[in-house]
Amino acid sequence: AMFEKSFTLEFSRDRKSMSSYVTPTKSGPAGGPRMFVKGAPEGVLDRCTHVRVGKNKVPMTPALKEEIMKHTASYGTGRDTLRCLALATCDAPMNPKDMDLEDATKFIRYENNLTFVGVVGMLDPPRTEVFDSIQKCRKAGIRVIVITGDNKATAEAICRRIGVFGETESTHGKSFTGREFDDLSVDAQRDATKRAKLFARVEPFHKQKIVEYLQMDGEISAMTGDGVNDAPALKKAEIGIAMGSGTAVAKTASEMVLADDNFSSIVAAVEEGRAIYNNMKQFIRYLISSNIGEVVSIFLTAALGLPEALIPVQLLWPLISGWLFFRYMAIGTYVGCATVGAAAWWFLYYTKGPRLNYYQLTHHMQCLAEEQNFAGIDCKIFNNPKPMTMALSVLVLIEMFNAMNSLSENQSLVKMPPWKNIWLMGSIVLSMSLHFFILHVDFMSKVFQITSLTLEEWFAVIKISVPVLILDEVLKFVARKFTD
């Protein structure tokens, strides 16, 4: 190594830079200690007096500074929108004994008379899904304001890429740096927050001020942040959203923690919340409009002394005549019929069963008393666990199919296949495994009074259960065509 680091002047937002104080090693270059500085290009260049060109230094001139800033801006606003840092050296730094390393506000004094070395650009592209999420927010009436510490030109270029600004949209009056915002009057600041879409090079206190102005205008604000300095703004906003990778202070001050640090997750949460709210509102509206009407009709007949307009059974009828209830009643009726039918199939039609007739099955309690009608029938057959096992297996399998049906109220399983929901499929596999467990483990089968089934019996169970899928698909089709 050519240099050995002695200490670091940590980054501070006021000077927007950091530096390392180094001394040359034996194998390093001749000369005394130096400081290596990196930070925001505009801030570092303001403190540069020279520019390194090869092995030489030339004085920094306004024209040269303007040319450097022009090239730096092109890196930040170009196709890749690079985040740029300026690099500089201080070849004759102040003696560390004369530095107050405990007071960060004085660090800017030590990083002066700098020699500009160059600019480094880092590629930090926005997530691909952010653009669509911004569009969803706009359609949902949510205004997205980007607040960043980045250079204004770079931030504007990124905002165009993610859809905050249109490709040809003017940013005048919609984009501010923290310093530009501070230079405005209070009324102008409040007016700026009404139309602004971007705040660049901001300090943490700017976030809190922006939230306050939004709240003064009756807006409901959600603020994201990850640092200790963001805590006041997170606490001030109606919904504080801390990053999962953020500090414990930020998480404590927030109502929500974004585990994956992904803006799109906020949009998804808003969608879910609005869907739940709308469904509750629609359900309450339906109940109030229906039930209040019934109450008023009964009250009026009593108050006016009229004969009863509705009897109790008539009041109950609307509860079972609604389409949604009819759908569930139809499915539930089939479940009951299929369960009983599975047991009846074993008694009546199974080739290896008793092959009873309908009278014998429905009058099985008279088996011992009516020997003529039950000739050749062993009455112990009615205690065989096979029919109960068939019925239970049909009930369990239909419940699994019903779980698939419940993936969507009206969407077909063809468009929303169950295997896309890995948790549902895992639950079904677990449930069926438990069912096979009680069928084939002697202790459990005795507790449930069931037994194992043959392959032919399992085929019958499947044939009896599958129609519940077909029935629900038909009802969903009717719902999509006539009730949506």
Foldseek 3Di string as FASTA:
>chain_A
DQWDFDDKLDADLVLFKIKTWIAGDPPHDDAGIKIKMKGDLVSLLVQEQWEDDPNDIDGDDPVNSVVQVVVVLCCCQDPQNWQKMWIKMGRDFDDPVPDDSVDSVCVVVRSHNIYTYHMDTDGDAADPCQLVLCVLCVVVVHQAAAEEATDQSNVVNNCCVSVNAPPPHDCVLAEEEQVRLVPDDPVSNLVSLVRHRYYYNHDLVVLLVSQVSCVVVVHQDEDEDAELSNLNNQLSHPAYEYELPGDPSSVVSGPYYHNVRHPSVVSVVVVVVVVVVVVVVVVVVVCCVLVVVVVVQQVVCVVVVHPRPDDPVRSCVVVCPDLVNVLVVVLVVLLVCLLLVLLVCQQQPDPPHVNADPVCVVVLVCCVVCCVNNPPHDSCSVLQQASVLLSVLLNLVLVLLVLQLVPDQQDACVVVPPVVPVVSVVVSVVSVVVSVVLAPDVVSCVVVVHHDDDPVSVVVSCVSRVVSSVSSNVSSVCCVVPPD
